[in-house]
Amino acid sequence: MTSPRLQLHAPTLRATHAVAAALASFARSGDVVLLAGEMGAGKTAFAQGFGAALGVAEPITSPTFTLVHSYETSGPTFHHADLYRLDRLAQVADLALAELAEYDGIVLVEWGDVVESTFGDHLLVRLEPVDHDLGARVITIQAFGHTWATRWERLRVECERAVGTAPQAAGEGD
């Protein structure tokens, strides 16, 4: 069975935040979202839009040196991890990211694609810059596992709507 995949063009940083917010609106306790992309592709910007949509009021910064930042929300705790500095799988295992998700958390992992095989159900979000001056990027979202498959169609529609590519229903926007 192939994993559902969606590719979006986010022409601005604001559009990236909108896609992240749309995705966050479907996230629930136990979810893992892995971010991939080159340095400067917008992974932290995506995390900021995601966390803000979950209700994080404090500034969201890259946890490159602390490895994981945890933020309280009115719902599940938002755990934002960055694996950039880690060079061994054992170091990643020590972070216990899957356990953070299991205990009433949503885990978003920058550079998560390098350890993707260690996670069961997850979303992979790949960011590719198109125009650094405008903050434009291509965002590719791919779902793995049953828990995301059940939400996929609604998630796809909302993410497309976030960048203005979803068809409007009759009477919508009139």
Protein backbone atom coordinates (compact mmCIF):
# COMPACT_ATOMS: atom_id res chain seq x y z
CA MET A 1 0.00 0.00 0.00
CA THR A 2 1.40 3.39 -0.94
CA SER A 3 1.46 6.26 1.51
CA PRO A 4 -0.72 9.25 0.62
CA ARG A 5 1.30 12.26 -0.46
CA LEU A 6 0.49 15.93 -1.01
CA GLN A 7 2.67 18.61 -2.58
CA LEU A 8 1.91 22.29 -1.97
CA HIS A 9 3.49 25.56 -3.03
CA ALA A 10 3.65 28.02 -0.14
CA PRO A 11 4.54 31.38 -1.73
CA THR A 12 5.28 33.15 1.58
CA LEU A 13 6.27 32.51 5.18
CA ARG A 14 2.68 33.28 6.11
CA ALA A 15 1.49 30.49 3.80
CA THR A 16 3.98 28.09 5.42
CA HIS A 17 2.57 29.01 8.83
CA ALA A 18 -0.96 28.47 7.47
CA VAL A 19 -0.10 24.96 6.24
CA ALA A 20 1.54 24.17 9.59
CA ALA A 21 -1.55 25.46 11.42
CA ALA A 22 -3.84 23.37 9.22
CA LEU A 23 -1.76 20.30 9.97
CA ALA A 24 -1.70 21.11 13.71
CA SER A 25 -5.50 21.29 13.74
CA PHE A 26 -5.54 17.55 12.97
CA ALA A 27 -2.76 16.58 15.37
CA ARG A 28 -3.66 14.71 18.52
CA SER A 29 -1.91 13.16 21.46
CA GLY A 30 0.51 10.45 20.36
CA ASP A 31 1.25 11.96 16.95
CA VAL A 32 4.73 12.28 15.50
CA VAL A 33 5.55 14.76 12.72
CA LEU A 34 8.99 14.56 11.12
CA LEU A 35 10.40 17.59 9.29
CA ALA A 36 12.98 17.26 6.53
CA GLY A 37 14.84 19.71 4.34
CA GLU A 38 18.18 21.37 3.89
CA MET A 39 19.55 23.98 6.26
CA GLY A 40 17.40 27.09 5.95
CA ALA A 41 14.48 25.28 4.29
CA GLY A 42 11.98 26.50 6.88
CA LYS A 43 11.75 23.66 9.40
CA THR A 44 11.79 25.97 12.42
CA ALA A 45 9.37 28.36 10.71
CA PHE A 46 7.03 25.42 10.15
CA ALA A 47 7.41 24.43 13.83
CA GLN A 48 6.53 27.99 14.86
CA GLY A 49 3.30 27.95 12.85
CA PHE A 50 2.47 24.47 14.15
CA GLY A 51 3.08 25.38 17.80
CA ALA A 52 1.21 28.67 17.56
CA ALA A 53 -1.82 26.81 16.20
CA LEU A 54 -1.65 24.45 19.20
CA GLY A 55 -1.81 27.50 21.47
CA VAL A 56 1.85 27.93 22.41
CA ALA A 57 2.13 31.58 23.46
CA GLU A 58 5.87 31.77 24.12
CA PRO A 59 8.44 32.15 21.34
CA ILE A 60 9.26 28.86 19.60
CA THR A 61 12.95 28.57 18.85
CA SER A 62 15.03 25.80 17.36
CA PRO A 63 16.17 23.35 20.04
CA THR A 64 19.45 22.68 18.23
CA PHE A 65 21.52 22.78 21.42
CA THR A 66 18.96 21.62 24.01
CA LEU A 67 17.64 18.95 21.59
CA VAL A 68 14.03 19.11 22.84
CA HIS A 69 11.82 22.01 23.92
CA SER A 70 8.49 21.14 25.52
CA TYR A 71 5.59 23.59 25.52
CA GLU A 72 2.40 23.34 27.52
CA THR A 73 -0.84 23.85 25.61
CA SER A 74 -4.48 23.55 26.61
CA GLY A 75 -4.30 20.06 25.10
CA PRO A 76 -1.37 17.68 24.64
CA THR A 77 2.14 18.92 25.40
CA PHE A 78 3.97 20.04 22.26
CA HIS A 79 7.50 18.61 22.09
CA HIS A 80 9.78 20.21 19.48
CA ALA A 81 13.00 18.29 18.83
CA ASP A 82 16.00 18.96 16.61
CA LEU A 83 18.30 16.09 15.66
CA TYR A 84 20.81 18.12 13.63
CA ARG A 85 23.69 17.71 16.10
CA LEU A 86 23.17 14.01 16.76
CA ASP A 87 25.32 11.57 14.86
CA ARG A 88 24.38 8.20 16.38
CA LEU A 89 21.06 6.40 16.57
CA ALA A 90 21.71 5.65 20.24
CA GLN A 91 21.71 9.40 20.97
CA VAL A 92 18.30 9.69 19.34
CA ALA A 93 17.01 6.72 21.34
CA ASP A 94 18.13 8.47 24.53
CA LEU A 95 15.70 11.33 23.76
CA ALA A 96 12.74 8.89 24.07
CA LEU A 97 10.71 10.78 21.46
CA ALA A 98 8.19 7.98 20.98
CA GLU A 99 7.58 7.93 24.73
CA LEU A 100 7.00 11.70 24.75
CA ALA A 101 4.27 11.15 22.17
CA GLU A 102 2.76 8.26 24.13
CA TYR A 103 2.40 10.29 27.32
CA ASP A 104 -0.07 12.94 26.15
CA GLY A 105 2.25 14.62 23.70
CA ILE A 106 2.61 15.69 20.10
CA VAL A 107 6.19 15.41 18.85
CA LEU A 108 7.56 17.45 15.95
CA VAL A 109 11.13 16.57 14.96
CA GLU A 110 13.42 18.72 12.80
CA TRP A 111 15.82 16.58 10.75
CA GLY A 112 13.48 13.70 11.62
CA ASP A 113 13.87 12.01 8.26
CA VAL A 114 17.26 10.64 9.33
CA VAL A 115 15.55 8.38 11.89
CA GLU A 116 12.22 7.92 10.13
CA SER A 117 12.48 4.13 10.22
CA THR A 118 12.42 4.18 14.04
CA PHE A 119 8.88 5.58 14.13
CA GLY A 120 5.62 3.79 13.40
CA ASP A 121 2.72 5.99 12.31
CA HIS A 122 3.93 9.48 11.44
CA LEU A 123 3.76 12.35 8.99
CA LEU A 124 6.82 13.34 6.99
CA VAL A 125 6.89 17.00 5.98
CA ARG A 126 9.62 17.90 3.48
CA LEU A 127 10.37 21.60 2.93
CA GLU A 128 12.25 22.83 -0.13
CA PRO A 129 13.00 26.55 -0.53
CA VAL A 130 12.04 28.13 -3.84
CA ASP A 131 12.69 31.83 -3.18
CA HIS A 132 14.49 32.71 0.07
CA ASP A 133 13.68 36.42 -0.33
CA LEU A 134 9.93 35.81 -0.28
CA GLY A 135 10.02 32.79 2.00
CA ALA A 136 8.51 30.63 -0.74
CA ARG A 137 8.87 26.88 -0.48
CA VAL A 138 7.44 23.61 -1.70
CA ILE A 139 5.95 21.56 1.13
CA THR A 140 5.47 17.84 0.59
CA ILE A 141 3.44 15.96 3.19
CA GLN A 142 3.37 12.18 3.30
CA ALA A 143 1.38 10.06 5.75
CA PHE A 144 2.58 6.73 7.12
CA GLY A 145 0.32 4.42 9.09
CA HIS A 146 -3.33 3.98 9.90
CA THR A 147 -3.73 6.84 12.39
CA TRP A 148 -2.95 9.44 9.71
CA ALA A 149 -4.76 7.56 6.94
CA THR A 150 -8.07 8.04 8.74
CA ARG A 151 -7.52 11.84 8.80
CA TRP A 152 -5.80 12.17 5.44
CA GLU A 153 -8.60 13.43 3.22
CA ARG A 154 -9.69 16.19 5.61
CA LEU A 155 -6.06 17.12 6.28
CA ARG A 156 -5.37 17.31 2.53
CA VAL A 157 -8.33 19.63 1.93
CA GLU A 158 -7.39 21.95 4.80
CA CYS A 159 -3.73 22.14 3.79
CA GLU A 160 -4.72 22.93 0.21
CA ARG A 161 -7.12 25.58 1.49
CA ALA A 162 -4.27 27.09 3.55
CA VAL A 163 -2.37 27.90 0.35
CA GLY A 164 -5.47 28.70 -1.68
CA THR A 165 -5.54 25.63 -3.93
CA ALA A 166 -8.59 23.80 -2.53
CA PRO A 167 -11.77 24.12 -4.59
CA GLN A 168 -14.43 26.08 -2.77
CA ALA A 169 -17.75 24.45 -2.06
CA ALA A 170 -20.84 26.02 -3.60
CA GLY A 171 -21.72 29.17 -1.71
CA GLU A 172 -18.38 29.28 0.12
CA GLY A 173 -16.65 32.63 0.00
CA ASP A 174 -19.69 34.43 -1.47
